[in-house]
Amino acid sequence: MSTGSNVDITCECGHHFKGWLWQSANVTASPDLRGKILRGQLNLVTCPSCDRRFYVEIPFLYHDMAAREWIWVYPLQQEQQGGDAREKVQEMWEQLKSSLPDDARRVFEEEYRVLVLFGMDALVYYLQGKQLKESESLSN
């Protein structure tokens, strides 16, 4: 399931407004969100006062059930505290697995890849790299 909500945002011009931000994207259930990520449009807002377009960085979960990937993307500014983010993600991952029936837990433990990235650009580069590898393997 993909989740988002209207949140309070403040532009550099000082204007406060509400904007829609995604907190998670299940790209298997909502493949259009993968495209938005690759085009740099996810969590991109426009200030209604000055028309400035900017990206709002918040912790964000990218979940691809088909590729078995669970990727947390933290704001680039938090990269210095990377260990804290990785620890938090590991705790969430363990809680998720412990809530699952044995068969599902085995799938998660054996097949899922869990990553922590910093900055949405890192996720875009990761996904583009995967696409390149997939297209190379198809042409070989």
C-alpha atoms as a PDB file:
ATOM      1  CA  MET A   1       0.000   0.000   0.000  1.00  0.00           C
ATOM      2  CA  SER A   2       1.239   3.505  -0.804  1.00  0.00           C
ATOM      3  CA  THR A   3       0.632   6.221   1.749  1.00  0.00           C
ATOM      4  CA  GLY A   4       0.669   9.981   1.598  1.00  0.00           C
ATOM      5  CA  SER A   5      -0.935  12.951   3.269  1.00  0.00           C
ATOM      6  CA  ASN A   6      -1.371  16.703   3.130  1.00  0.00           C
ATOM      7  CA  VAL A   7       1.287  18.321   5.275  1.00  0.00           C
ATOM      8  CA  ASP A   8       2.268  21.853   6.259  1.00  0.00           C
ATOM      9  CA  ILE A   9       5.089  23.162   4.071  1.00  0.00           C
ATOM     10  CA  THR A  10       7.032  26.419   4.296  1.00  0.00           C
ATOM     11  CA  CYS A  11       8.614  27.915   1.191  1.00  0.00           C
ATOM     12  CA  GLU A  12      11.862  29.919   1.249  1.00  0.00           C
ATOM     13  CA  CYS A  13       9.693  32.988   0.542  1.00  0.00           C
ATOM     14  CA  GLY A  14       8.076  32.426   3.954  1.00  0.00           C
ATOM     15  CA  HIS A  15       4.678  31.335   2.647  1.00  0.00           C
ATOM     16  CA  HIS A  16       3.024  28.430   4.490  1.00  0.00           C
ATOM     17  CA  PHE A  17       0.818  26.045   2.554  1.00  0.00           C
ATOM     18  CA  LYS A  18      -0.453  22.470   2.506  1.00  0.00           C
ATOM     19  CA  GLY A  19       1.022  20.027   0.026  1.00  0.00           C
ATOM     20  CA  TRP A  20       0.646  16.334  -0.724  1.00  0.00           C
ATOM     21  CA  LEU A  21       3.676  14.241   0.232  1.00  0.00           C
ATOM     22  CA  TRP A  22       4.136  10.522  -0.186  1.00  0.00           C
ATOM     23  CA  GLN A  23       5.561   8.699   2.841  1.00  0.00           C
ATOM     24  CA  SER A  24       5.679   5.334   1.077  1.00  0.00           C
ATOM     25  CA  ALA A  25       5.270   3.915  -2.401  1.00  0.00           C
ATOM     26  CA  ASN A  26       4.402   0.303  -3.112  1.00  0.00           C
ATOM     27  CA  VAL A  27       5.371   0.375  -6.778  1.00  0.00           C
ATOM     28  CA  THR A  28       3.946  -3.080  -7.396  1.00  0.00           C
ATOM     29  CA  ALA A  29       0.480  -1.888  -6.379  1.00  0.00           C
ATOM     30  CA  SER A  30       0.973   1.664  -7.739  1.00  0.00           C
ATOM     31  CA  PRO A  31       3.426   1.449 -10.674  1.00  0.00           C
ATOM     32  CA  ASP A  32       2.767   5.084 -11.634  1.00  0.00           C
ATOM     33  CA  LEU A  33       4.657   6.149  -8.501  1.00  0.00           C
ATOM     34  CA  ARG A  34       7.835   4.482  -9.800  1.00  0.00           C
ATOM     35  CA  GLY A  35       7.598   6.663 -12.887  1.00  0.00           C
ATOM     36  CA  LYS A  36       7.106   9.775 -10.756  1.00  0.00           C
ATOM     37  CA  ILE A  37      10.214   8.869  -8.769  1.00  0.00           C
ATOM     38  CA  LEU A  38      12.289   8.336 -11.926  1.00  0.00           C
ATOM     39  CA  ARG A  39      11.087  11.668 -13.366  1.00  0.00           C
ATOM     40  CA  GLY A  40      11.894  13.510 -10.124  1.00  0.00           C
ATOM     41  CA  GLN A  41       8.250  14.392  -9.527  1.00  0.00           C
ATOM     42  CA  LEU A  42       7.512  12.604  -6.275  1.00  0.00           C
ATOM     43  CA  ASN A  43       7.139  15.022  -3.346  1.00  0.00           C
ATOM     44  CA  LEU A  44       7.728  17.962  -5.667  1.00  0.00           C
ATOM     45  CA  VAL A  45       5.591  20.939  -4.644  1.00  0.00           C
ATOM     46  CA  THR A  46       4.924  24.416  -5.988  1.00  0.00           C
ATOM     47  CA  CYS A  47       4.530  27.396  -3.690  1.00  0.00           C
ATOM     48  CA  PRO A  48       1.216  29.091  -4.480  1.00  0.00           C
ATOM     49  CA  SER A  49       2.691  32.458  -3.503  1.00  0.00           C
ATOM     50  CA  CYS A  50       5.939  32.651  -5.502  1.00  0.00           C
ATOM     51  CA  ASP A  51       5.545  29.655  -7.879  1.00  0.00           C
ATOM     52  CA  ARG A  52       8.852  28.193  -6.706  1.00  0.00           C
ATOM     53  CA  ARG A  53       8.985  24.430  -7.321  1.00  0.00           C
ATOM     54  CA  PHE A  54      10.961  22.417  -4.828  1.00  0.00           C
ATOM     55  CA  TYR A  55      11.371  18.904  -3.572  1.00  0.00           C
ATOM     56  CA  VAL A  56      10.452  18.191   0.055  1.00  0.00           C
ATOM     57  CA  GLU A  57      12.717  15.585   1.582  1.00  0.00           C
ATOM     58  CA  ILE A  58      11.173  13.362   4.228  1.00  0.00           C
ATOM     59  CA  PRO A  59      11.915   9.762   5.244  1.00  0.00           C
ATOM     60  CA  PHE A  60      10.312   7.647   2.539  1.00  0.00           C
ATOM     61  CA  LEU A  61       9.752   3.915   1.988  1.00  0.00           C
ATOM     62  CA  TYR A  62      10.071   2.426  -1.508  1.00  0.00           C
ATOM     63  CA  HIS A  63       8.582  -1.083  -1.630  1.00  0.00           C
ATOM     64  CA  ASP A  64       8.756  -3.253  -4.740  1.00  0.00           C
ATOM     65  CA  MET A  65       7.075  -6.578  -4.002  1.00  0.00           C
ATOM     66  CA  ALA A  66       7.949  -8.020  -7.424  1.00  0.00           C
ATOM     67  CA  ALA A  67      11.666  -7.215  -7.079  1.00  0.00           C
ATOM     68  CA  ARG A  68      11.565  -8.028  -3.344  1.00  0.00           C
ATOM     69  CA  GLU A  69      13.012  -4.682  -2.294  1.00  0.00           C
ATOM     70  CA  TRP A  70      12.324  -2.607   0.817  1.00  0.00           C
ATOM     71  CA  ILE A  71      14.262   0.644   0.520  1.00  0.00           C
ATOM     72  CA  TRP A  72      14.171   3.477   3.028  1.00  0.00           C
ATOM     73  CA  VAL A  73      15.214   6.839   1.632  1.00  0.00           C
ATOM     74  CA  TYR A  74      16.212   9.429   4.217  1.00  0.00           C
ATOM     75  CA  PRO A  75      16.870  13.118   3.570  1.00  0.00           C
ATOM     76  CA  LEU A  76      20.388  13.751   2.308  1.00  0.00           C
ATOM     77  CA  GLN A  77      21.014  16.017   5.319  1.00  0.00           C
ATOM     78  CA  GLN A  78      20.721  12.956   7.576  1.00  0.00           C
ATOM     79  CA  GLU A  79      23.559  11.075   5.883  1.00  0.00           C
ATOM     80  CA  GLN A  80      25.983  12.086   8.655  1.00  0.00           C
ATOM     81  CA  GLN A  81      23.771  10.138  11.093  1.00  0.00           C
ATOM     82  CA  GLY A  82      23.566   7.176   8.707  1.00  0.00           C
ATOM     83  CA  GLY A  83      24.155   4.647  11.457  1.00  0.00           C
ATOM     84  CA  ASP A  84      21.077   5.866  13.324  1.00  0.00           C
ATOM     85  CA  ALA A  85      18.896   5.535  10.222  1.00  0.00           C
ATOM     86  CA  ARG A  86      20.211   2.057   9.454  1.00  0.00           C
ATOM     87  CA  GLU A  87      19.608   0.985  13.037  1.00  0.00           C
ATOM     88  CA  LYS A  88      16.040   2.318  12.933  1.00  0.00           C
ATOM     89  CA  VAL A  89      15.338   0.549   9.628  1.00  0.00           C
ATOM     90  CA  GLN A  90      16.766  -2.693  11.001  1.00  0.00           C
ATOM     91  CA  GLU A  91      14.441  -2.421  14.016  1.00  0.00           C
ATOM     92  CA  MET A  92      11.412  -1.792  11.768  1.00  0.00           C
ATOM     93  CA  TRP A  93      12.426  -4.715   9.547  1.00  0.00           C
ATOM     94  CA  GLU A  94      12.698  -7.058  12.528  1.00  0.00           C
ATOM     95  CA  GLN A  95       9.304  -5.893  13.861  1.00  0.00           C
ATOM     96  CA  LEU A  96       7.704  -6.454  10.470  1.00  0.00           C
ATOM     97  CA  LYS A  97       9.155  -9.947  10.136  1.00  0.00           C
ATOM     98  CA  SER A  98       8.141 -10.921  13.673  1.00  0.00           C
ATOM     99  CA  SER A  99       4.530  -9.980  12.884  1.00  0.00           C
ATOM    100  CA  LEU A 100       4.360 -12.363   9.911  1.00  0.00           C
ATOM    101  CA  PRO A 101       3.380 -16.030   9.760  1.00  0.00           C
ATOM    102  CA  ASP A 102       6.355 -18.411   9.442  1.00  0.00           C
ATOM    103  CA  ASP A 103       6.052 -18.948   5.663  1.00  0.00           C
ATOM    104  CA  ALA A 104       5.854 -15.241   4.903  1.00  0.00           C
ATOM    105  CA  ARG A 105       8.695 -14.503   7.331  1.00  0.00           C
ATOM    106  CA  ARG A 106      10.913 -17.012   5.508  1.00  0.00           C
ATOM    107  CA  VAL A 107      10.224 -15.272   2.182  1.00  0.00           C
ATOM    108  CA  PHE A 108      11.134 -11.905   3.687  1.00  0.00           C
ATOM    109  CA  GLU A 109      14.308 -13.248   5.299  1.00  0.00           C
ATOM    110  CA  GLU A 110      15.518 -15.214   2.286  1.00  0.00           C
ATOM    111  CA  GLU A 111      14.380 -13.142  -0.674  1.00  0.00           C
ATOM    112  CA  TYR A 112      14.058  -9.491   0.325  1.00  0.00           C
ATOM    113  CA  ARG A 113      16.743  -6.881  -0.075  1.00  0.00           C
ATOM    114  CA  VAL A 114      16.681  -4.113   2.549  1.00  0.00           C
ATOM    115  CA  LEU A 115      18.519  -0.879   1.771  1.00  0.00           C
ATOM    116  CA  VAL A 116      18.939   2.555   3.311  1.00  0.00           C
ATOM    117  CA  LEU A 117      19.713   5.394   0.921  1.00  0.00           C
ATOM    118  CA  PHE A 118      20.151   9.122   1.476  1.00  0.00           C
ATOM    119  CA  GLY A 119      18.447  11.570  -0.848  1.00  0.00           C
ATOM    120  CA  MET A 120      15.845  10.784  -3.488  1.00  0.00           C
ATOM    121  CA  ASP A 121      18.548  11.138  -6.158  1.00  0.00           C
ATOM    122  CA  ALA A 122      20.251   8.062  -4.692  1.00  0.00           C
ATOM    123  CA  LEU A 123      17.044   6.074  -5.199  1.00  0.00           C
ATOM    124  CA  VAL A 124      16.716   7.346  -8.774  1.00  0.00           C
ATOM    125  CA  TYR A 125      20.336   6.355  -9.551  1.00  0.00           C
ATOM    126  CA  TYR A 126      19.779   2.951  -7.982  1.00  0.00           C
ATOM    127  CA  LEU A 127      16.631   2.321 -10.044  1.00  0.00           C
ATOM    128  CA  GLN A 128      18.229   3.603 -13.256  1.00  0.00           C
ATOM    129  CA  GLY A 129      21.208   1.306 -12.661  1.00  0.00           C
ATOM    130  CA  LYS A 130      18.860  -1.649 -12.265  1.00  0.00           C
ATOM    131  CA  GLN A 131      17.061  -0.722 -15.505  1.00  0.00           C
ATOM    132  CA  LEU A 132      20.380  -0.527 -17.339  1.00  0.00           C
ATOM    133  CA  LYS A 133      21.459  -3.950 -16.041  1.00  0.00           C
ATOM    134  CA  GLU A 134      18.086  -5.448 -16.991  1.00  0.00           C
ATOM    135  CA  SER A 135      18.218  -4.027 -20.528  1.00  0.00           C
ATOM    136  CA  GLU A 136      21.826  -5.242 -20.957  1.00  0.00           C
ATOM    137  CA  SER A 137      20.896  -8.757 -19.849  1.00  0.00           C
ATOM    138  CA  LEU A 138      17.967  -8.798 -22.309  1.00  0.00           C
ATOM    139  CA  SER A 139      20.207  -7.820 -25.203  1.00  0.00           C
ATOM    140  CA  ASN A 140      22.839 -10.497 -24.416  1.00  0.00           C
END
